[in-house]
Amino acid sequence: MNMNNMIYFTKEKQQESFDVAAQEAEKHEILLFNDDVNTFDFVIDSLIEVCDHSPEQAEQCTYLVHYKGKCAVKTGEYEELKPRCTRLLERGLSAEIV
């Protein structure tokens, strides 16, 4: 193996390590939990306003929450998710970041 191949391999491995670290930084999710208090329309509106969902996406997540008990409604970095989760909680929804 010549030296040029070794340098290329090292740079490739460094990029791969960086890509993995970037992916790990975004592994947090907001989980929304089912409750017996909030209406479907309220949850859908909340997901549109707080999580920037399309109406269709918000409706699908709402049905998943209702039938499965919970649903990941937003994925991203913790710092981005924290204010969104807080806004959902302030609206009376049950949510947490995992």
C-alpha atoms as a PDB file:
ATOM      1  CA  MET A   1       0.000   0.000   0.000  1.00  0.00           C
ATOM      2  CA  ASN A   2       1.494   3.336  -0.968  1.00  0.00           C
ATOM      3  CA  MET A   3       1.333   6.455   1.194  1.00  0.00           C
ATOM      4  CA  ASN A   4      -1.272   8.207  -0.996  1.00  0.00           C
ATOM      5  CA  ASN A   5      -3.775   5.417  -0.411  1.00  0.00           C
ATOM      6  CA  MET A   6      -3.212   5.577   3.336  1.00  0.00           C
ATOM      7  CA  ILE A   7      -3.837   9.334   3.444  1.00  0.00           C
ATOM      8  CA  TYR A   8      -7.012   8.963   1.404  1.00  0.00           C
ATOM      9  CA  PHE A   9      -8.199   6.150   3.648  1.00  0.00           C
ATOM     10  CA  THR A  10      -7.584   8.269   6.757  1.00  0.00           C
ATOM     11  CA  LYS A  11      -9.486  11.252   5.344  1.00  0.00           C
ATOM     12  CA  GLU A  12     -12.337   8.931   4.342  1.00  0.00           C
ATOM     13  CA  LYS A  13     -12.466   7.468   7.866  1.00  0.00           C
ATOM     14  CA  GLN A  14     -12.447  10.966   9.395  1.00  0.00           C
ATOM     15  CA  GLN A  15     -15.397  11.961   7.204  1.00  0.00           C
ATOM     16  CA  GLU A  16     -17.219   8.762   8.138  1.00  0.00           C
ATOM     17  CA  SER A  17     -16.640   9.471  11.846  1.00  0.00           C
ATOM     18  CA  PHE A  18     -17.936  13.015  11.392  1.00  0.00           C
ATOM     19  CA  ASP A  19     -21.052  11.751   9.567  1.00  0.00           C
ATOM     20  CA  VAL A  20     -21.802   9.261  12.353  1.00  0.00           C
ATOM     21  CA  ALA A  21     -21.348  11.943  15.013  1.00  0.00           C
ATOM     22  CA  ALA A  22     -23.686  14.284  13.136  1.00  0.00           C
ATOM     23  CA  GLN A  23     -26.327  11.562  12.899  1.00  0.00           C
ATOM     24  CA  GLU A  24     -26.008  10.797  16.609  1.00  0.00           C
ATOM     25  CA  ALA A  25     -26.570  14.472  17.414  1.00  0.00           C
ATOM     26  CA  GLU A  26     -30.016  14.256  15.787  1.00  0.00           C
ATOM     27  CA  LYS A  27     -31.277  11.084  17.408  1.00  0.00           C
ATOM     28  CA  HIS A  28     -33.723  12.804  19.760  1.00  0.00           C
ATOM     29  CA  GLU A  29     -37.477  12.644  19.225  1.00  0.00           C
ATOM     30  CA  ILE A  30     -40.543  14.251  20.708  1.00  0.00           C
ATOM     31  CA  LEU A  31     -42.952  11.515  21.702  1.00  0.00           C
ATOM     32  CA  LEU A  32     -46.600  12.519  21.951  1.00  0.00           C
ATOM     33  CA  PHE A  33     -48.797  10.362  24.201  1.00  0.00           C
ATOM     34  CA  ASN A  34     -52.493   9.613  24.068  1.00  0.00           C
ATOM     35  CA  ASP A  35     -54.883  11.205  26.550  1.00  0.00           C
ATOM     36  CA  ASP A  36     -58.618  11.284  27.085  1.00  0.00           C
ATOM     37  CA  VAL A  37     -58.831  15.085  27.297  1.00  0.00           C
ATOM     38  CA  ASN A  38     -57.784  16.711  24.021  1.00  0.00           C
ATOM     39  CA  THR A  39     -59.797  16.485  20.813  1.00  0.00           C
ATOM     40  CA  PHE A  40     -58.422  15.217  17.518  1.00  0.00           C
ATOM     41  CA  ASP A  41     -58.786  18.672  15.993  1.00  0.00           C
ATOM     42  CA  PHE A  42     -56.864  20.301  18.864  1.00  0.00           C
ATOM     43  CA  VAL A  43     -54.003  17.810  18.576  1.00  0.00           C
ATOM     44  CA  ILE A  44     -53.881  18.193  14.795  1.00  0.00           C
ATOM     45  CA  ASP A  45     -53.827  21.999  15.074  1.00  0.00           C
ATOM     46  CA  SER A  46     -51.118  21.806  17.739  1.00  0.00           C
ATOM     47  CA  LEU A  47     -48.882  19.602  15.593  1.00  0.00           C
ATOM     48  CA  ILE A  48     -49.313  21.943  12.633  1.00  0.00           C
ATOM     49  CA  GLU A  49     -48.494  25.036  14.692  1.00  0.00           C
ATOM     50  CA  VAL A  50     -45.779  23.672  16.992  1.00  0.00           C
ATOM     51  CA  CYS A  51     -44.085  20.954  14.927  1.00  0.00           C
ATOM     52  CA  ASP A  52     -44.599  22.443  11.454  1.00  0.00           C
ATOM     53  CA  HIS A  53     -46.525  19.382  10.270  1.00  0.00           C
ATOM     54  CA  SER A  54     -48.619  19.402   7.132  1.00  0.00           C
ATOM     55  CA  PRO A  55     -52.330  18.797   7.838  1.00  0.00           C
ATOM     56  CA  GLU A  56     -52.003  15.236   6.517  1.00  0.00           C
ATOM     57  CA  GLN A  57     -48.934  14.473   8.624  1.00  0.00           C
ATOM     58  CA  ALA A  58     -50.587  15.917  11.742  1.00  0.00           C
ATOM     59  CA  GLU A  59     -53.707  13.829  11.155  1.00  0.00           C
ATOM     60  CA  GLN A  60     -51.684  10.635  10.655  1.00  0.00           C
ATOM     61  CA  CYS A  61     -49.680  11.243  13.841  1.00  0.00           C
ATOM     62  CA  THR A  62     -52.874  11.965  15.774  1.00  0.00           C
ATOM     63  CA  TYR A  63     -54.383   8.648  14.687  1.00  0.00           C
ATOM     64  CA  LEU A  64     -51.168   6.814  15.603  1.00  0.00           C
ATOM     65  CA  VAL A  65     -51.220   8.431  19.053  1.00  0.00           C
ATOM     66  CA  HIS A  66     -54.856   7.465  19.503  1.00  0.00           C
ATOM     67  CA  TYR A  67     -54.503   3.839  18.409  1.00  0.00           C
ATOM     68  CA  LYS A  68     -50.923   3.041  19.446  1.00  0.00           C
ATOM     69  CA  GLY A  69     -50.729   5.195  22.588  1.00  0.00           C
ATOM     70  CA  LYS A  70     -47.802   7.290  21.377  1.00  0.00           C
ATOM     71  CA  CYS A  71     -46.028   8.566  18.291  1.00  0.00           C
ATOM     72  CA  ALA A  72     -42.725  10.287  17.499  1.00  0.00           C
ATOM     73  CA  VAL A  73     -43.893  13.629  16.119  1.00  0.00           C
ATOM     74  CA  LYS A  74     -40.574  15.445  15.599  1.00  0.00           C
ATOM     75  CA  THR A  75     -36.943  14.366  15.261  1.00  0.00           C
ATOM     76  CA  GLY A  76     -33.881  16.563  15.617  1.00  0.00           C
ATOM     77  CA  GLU A  77     -31.309  17.997  17.954  1.00  0.00           C
ATOM     78  CA  TYR A  78     -32.291  18.376  21.592  1.00  0.00           C
ATOM     79  CA  GLU A  79     -31.895  22.165  21.535  1.00  0.00           C
ATOM     80  CA  GLU A  80     -34.366  22.412  18.644  1.00  0.00           C
ATOM     81  CA  LEU A  81     -36.871  20.035  20.207  1.00  0.00           C
ATOM     82  CA  LYS A  82     -36.929  21.439  23.747  1.00  0.00           C
ATOM     83  CA  PRO A  83     -38.948  24.627  22.997  1.00  0.00           C
ATOM     84  CA  ARG A  84     -41.353  22.670  20.785  1.00  0.00           C
ATOM     85  CA  CYS A  85     -41.936  20.069  23.488  1.00  0.00           C
ATOM     86  CA  THR A  86     -42.480  22.839  26.032  1.00  0.00           C
ATOM     87  CA  ARG A  87     -45.107  24.431  23.784  1.00  0.00           C
ATOM     88  CA  LEU A  88     -46.914  21.093  23.428  1.00  0.00           C
ATOM     89  CA  LEU A  89     -46.887  20.666  27.212  1.00  0.00           C
ATOM     90  CA  GLU A  90     -48.177  24.221  27.703  1.00  0.00           C
ATOM     91  CA  ARG A  91     -51.118  23.298  25.480  1.00  0.00           C
ATOM     92  CA  GLY A  92     -51.972  20.431  27.810  1.00  0.00           C
ATOM     93  CA  LEU A  93     -50.615  17.641  25.640  1.00  0.00           C
ATOM     94  CA  SER A  94     -48.492  14.813  27.050  1.00  0.00           C
ATOM     95  CA  ALA A  95     -45.064  14.793  25.420  1.00  0.00           C
ATOM     96  CA  GLU A  96     -41.442  14.111  26.209  1.00  0.00           C
ATOM     97  CA  ILE A  97     -38.072  14.158  24.470  1.00  0.00           C
ATOM     98  CA  VAL A  98     -36.255  10.851  24.154  1.00  0.00           C
END
